[in-house]
Amino acid sequence: MRIVLLLSLALCSLFAAAMEAEPVKPPLYLPEDTKLPTRECPLLRREEVAITLPELGIVQAGAMLRRSSLAGTWKFSGLETAKTPFPSETPAEELWRAAVDT
């Protein structure tokens, strides 16, 4: 019994000494400066970007942006009591899904 008590006392004192020691901080790593490549062509504005898709025609990136104001009266949607979490698809979403599924 005394041996167990002495061993536990020794372990506790070692643990206490380890906790009082200052933590070792690793040296700060700063990578060397790297020269970045220069851009060979100018960036296009989103109104200038257009993608041609066979099924949909020309899609312009600038036309995809939608901005909606969040000012106004907010109403709860009743989502927690709804049978389905999302409304039915819009015609544009149906057209997109038809093009992707084929």
C-alpha atoms as a PDB file:
ATOM      1  CA  MET A   1       0.000   0.000   0.000  1.00  0.00           C
ATOM      2  CA  ARG A   2       2.840   2.336   0.833  1.00  0.00           C
ATOM      3  CA  ILE A   3       4.517   1.664  -2.518  1.00  0.00           C
ATOM      4  CA  VAL A   4       1.356   2.609  -4.410  1.00  0.00           C
ATOM      5  CA  LEU A   5       1.045   5.777  -2.337  1.00  0.00           C
ATOM      6  CA  LEU A   6       4.688   6.708  -2.954  1.00  0.00           C
ATOM      7  CA  LEU A   7       4.388   6.027  -6.690  1.00  0.00           C
ATOM      8  CA  SER A   8       1.223   8.110  -6.988  1.00  0.00           C
ATOM      9  CA  LEU A   9       2.865  10.934  -5.020  1.00  0.00           C
ATOM     10  CA  ALA A  10       5.909  10.807  -7.304  1.00  0.00           C
ATOM     11  CA  LEU A  11       3.725  10.869 -10.428  1.00  0.00           C
ATOM     12  CA  CYS A  12       1.726  13.812  -9.090  1.00  0.00           C
ATOM     13  CA  SER A  13       4.882  15.775  -8.350  1.00  0.00           C
ATOM     14  CA  LEU A  14       6.248  15.037 -11.843  1.00  0.00           C
ATOM     15  CA  PHE A  15       2.954  16.134 -13.398  1.00  0.00           C
ATOM     16  CA  ALA A  16       2.908  19.336 -11.324  1.00  0.00           C
ATOM     17  CA  ALA A  17       6.503  20.124 -12.357  1.00  0.00           C
ATOM     18  CA  ALA A  18       5.647  19.550 -16.007  1.00  0.00           C
ATOM     19  CA  MET A  19       2.628  21.857 -15.777  1.00  0.00           C
ATOM     20  CA  GLU A  20       4.698  24.668 -14.241  1.00  0.00           C
ATOM     21  CA  ALA A  21       7.324  24.560 -16.995  1.00  0.00           C
ATOM     22  CA  GLU A  22       6.991  27.140 -19.745  1.00  0.00           C
ATOM     23  CA  PRO A  23       5.625  25.790 -23.013  1.00  0.00           C
ATOM     24  CA  VAL A  24       8.074  25.430 -25.844  1.00  0.00           C
ATOM     25  CA  LYS A  25       7.214  27.827 -28.656  1.00  0.00           C
ATOM     26  CA  PRO A  26       8.215  26.771 -32.166  1.00  0.00           C
ATOM     27  CA  PRO A  27      10.216  29.303 -34.148  1.00  0.00           C
ATOM     28  CA  LEU A  28       8.221  31.649 -36.367  1.00  0.00           C
ATOM     29  CA  TYR A  29       8.128  30.424 -39.959  1.00  0.00           C
ATOM     30  CA  LEU A  30       8.088  33.084 -42.656  1.00  0.00           C
ATOM     31  CA  PRO A  31       8.424  31.786 -46.206  1.00  0.00           C
ATOM     32  CA  GLU A  32      10.720  33.575 -48.587  1.00  0.00           C
ATOM     33  CA  ASP A  33       9.263  36.183 -50.915  1.00  0.00           C
ATOM     34  CA  THR A  34       8.112  34.667 -54.178  1.00  0.00           C
ATOM     35  CA  LYS A  35       7.731  36.624 -57.377  1.00  0.00           C
ATOM     36  CA  LEU A  36       4.227  36.167 -58.721  1.00  0.00           C
ATOM     37  CA  PRO A  37       3.696  35.799 -62.455  1.00  0.00           C
ATOM     38  CA  THR A  38       2.387  38.835 -64.282  1.00  0.00           C
ATOM     39  CA  ARG A  39      -0.986  38.705 -65.981  1.00  0.00           C
ATOM     40  CA  GLU A  40      -0.624  38.520 -69.756  1.00  0.00           C
ATOM     41  CA  CYS A  41      -4.140  39.690 -70.623  1.00  0.00           C
ATOM     42  CA  PRO A  42      -6.425  42.161 -68.860  1.00  0.00           C
ATOM     43  CA  LEU A  43      -9.298  40.930 -66.744  1.00  0.00           C
ATOM     44  CA  LEU A  44     -12.739  41.047 -68.295  1.00  0.00           C
ATOM     45  CA  ARG A  45     -15.661  42.693 -66.592  1.00  0.00           C
ATOM     46  CA  ARG A  46     -18.582  40.372 -65.880  1.00  0.00           C
ATOM     47  CA  GLU A  47     -20.687  42.141 -68.519  1.00  0.00           C
ATOM     48  CA  GLU A  48     -18.082  41.174 -71.138  1.00  0.00           C
ATOM     49  CA  VAL A  49     -18.008  37.457 -70.301  1.00  0.00           C
ATOM     50  CA  ALA A  50     -20.302  35.286 -72.422  1.00  0.00           C
ATOM     51  CA  ILE A  51     -20.480  31.503 -72.667  1.00  0.00           C
ATOM     52  CA  THR A  52     -22.120  29.710 -75.579  1.00  0.00           C
ATOM     53  CA  LEU A  53     -24.005  26.551 -74.593  1.00  0.00           C
ATOM     54  CA  PRO A  54     -25.559  24.442 -77.354  1.00  0.00           C
ATOM     55  CA  GLU A  55     -28.829  23.864 -75.492  1.00  0.00           C
ATOM     56  CA  LEU A  56     -29.226  27.322 -73.951  1.00  0.00           C
ATOM     57  CA  GLY A  57     -27.536  29.664 -76.398  1.00  0.00           C
ATOM     58  CA  ILE A  58     -25.398  32.530 -75.139  1.00  0.00           C
ATOM     59  CA  VAL A  59     -25.254  32.948 -71.369  1.00  0.00           C
ATOM     60  CA  GLN A  60     -23.806  36.221 -70.079  1.00  0.00           C
ATOM     61  CA  ALA A  61     -22.233  36.265 -66.640  1.00  0.00           C
ATOM     62  CA  GLY A  62     -23.445  39.796 -65.951  1.00  0.00           C
ATOM     63  CA  ALA A  63     -27.067  38.741 -66.484  1.00  0.00           C
ATOM     64  CA  MET A  64     -26.822  36.051 -63.790  1.00  0.00           C
ATOM     65  CA  LEU A  65     -26.446  38.510 -60.954  1.00  0.00           C
ATOM     66  CA  ARG A  66     -29.536  39.235 -58.932  1.00  0.00           C
ATOM     67  CA  ARG A  67     -29.713  41.848 -56.236  1.00  0.00           C
ATOM     68  CA  SER A  68     -32.570  42.003 -53.811  1.00  0.00           C
ATOM     69  CA  SER A  69     -33.073  44.445 -51.022  1.00  0.00           C
ATOM     70  CA  LEU A  70     -33.604  42.928 -47.590  1.00  0.00           C
ATOM     71  CA  ALA A  71     -35.334  46.045 -46.321  1.00  0.00           C
ATOM     72  CA  GLY A  72     -39.035  45.713 -45.620  1.00  0.00           C
ATOM     73  CA  THR A  73     -41.390  43.553 -43.626  1.00  0.00           C
ATOM     74  CA  TRP A  74     -40.231  40.023 -42.975  1.00  0.00           C
ATOM     75  CA  LYS A  75     -42.698  37.169 -42.707  1.00  0.00           C
ATOM     76  CA  PHE A  76     -42.171  33.623 -41.539  1.00  0.00           C
ATOM     77  CA  SER A  77     -42.480  31.120 -44.362  1.00  0.00           C
ATOM     78  CA  GLY A  78     -44.029  28.308 -42.387  1.00  0.00           C
ATOM     79  CA  LEU A  79     -41.229  26.009 -43.493  1.00  0.00           C
ATOM     80  CA  GLU A  80     -41.383  23.987 -40.288  1.00  0.00           C
ATOM     81  CA  THR A  81     -44.965  22.937 -41.059  1.00  0.00           C
ATOM     82  CA  ALA A  82     -44.628  22.621 -44.847  1.00  0.00           C
ATOM     83  CA  LYS A  83     -44.872  19.260 -46.574  1.00  0.00           C
ATOM     84  CA  THR A  84     -41.979  20.062 -48.920  1.00  0.00           C
ATOM     85  CA  PRO A  85     -39.075  22.348 -47.974  1.00  0.00           C
ATOM     86  CA  PHE A  86     -38.651  24.052 -51.363  1.00  0.00           C
ATOM     87  CA  PRO A  87     -41.086  25.550 -53.857  1.00  0.00           C
ATOM     88  CA  SER A  88     -41.433  24.142 -57.351  1.00  0.00           C
ATOM     89  CA  GLU A  89     -38.783  25.025 -59.906  1.00  0.00           C
ATOM     90  CA  THR A  90     -38.975  28.169 -61.996  1.00  0.00           C
ATOM     91  CA  PRO A  91     -39.112  27.804 -65.814  1.00  0.00           C
ATOM     92  CA  ALA A  92     -35.421  28.782 -66.046  1.00  0.00           C
ATOM     93  CA  GLU A  93     -34.488  26.071 -63.534  1.00  0.00           C
ATOM     94  CA  GLU A  94     -36.545  23.490 -65.438  1.00  0.00           C
ATOM     95  CA  LEU A  95     -34.789  24.441 -68.677  1.00  0.00           C
ATOM     96  CA  TRP A  96     -31.402  24.147 -66.984  1.00  0.00           C
ATOM     97  CA  ARG A  97     -32.265  20.770 -65.436  1.00  0.00           C
ATOM     98  CA  ALA A  98     -33.468  19.456 -68.819  1.00  0.00           C
ATOM     99  CA  ALA A  99     -30.203  20.529 -70.435  1.00  0.00           C
ATOM    100  CA  VAL A 100     -28.095  18.939 -67.686  1.00  0.00           C
ATOM    101  CA  ASP A 101     -30.043  15.658 -67.566  1.00  0.00           C
ATOM    102  CA  THR A 102     -29.592  14.943 -71.284  1.00  0.00           C
END
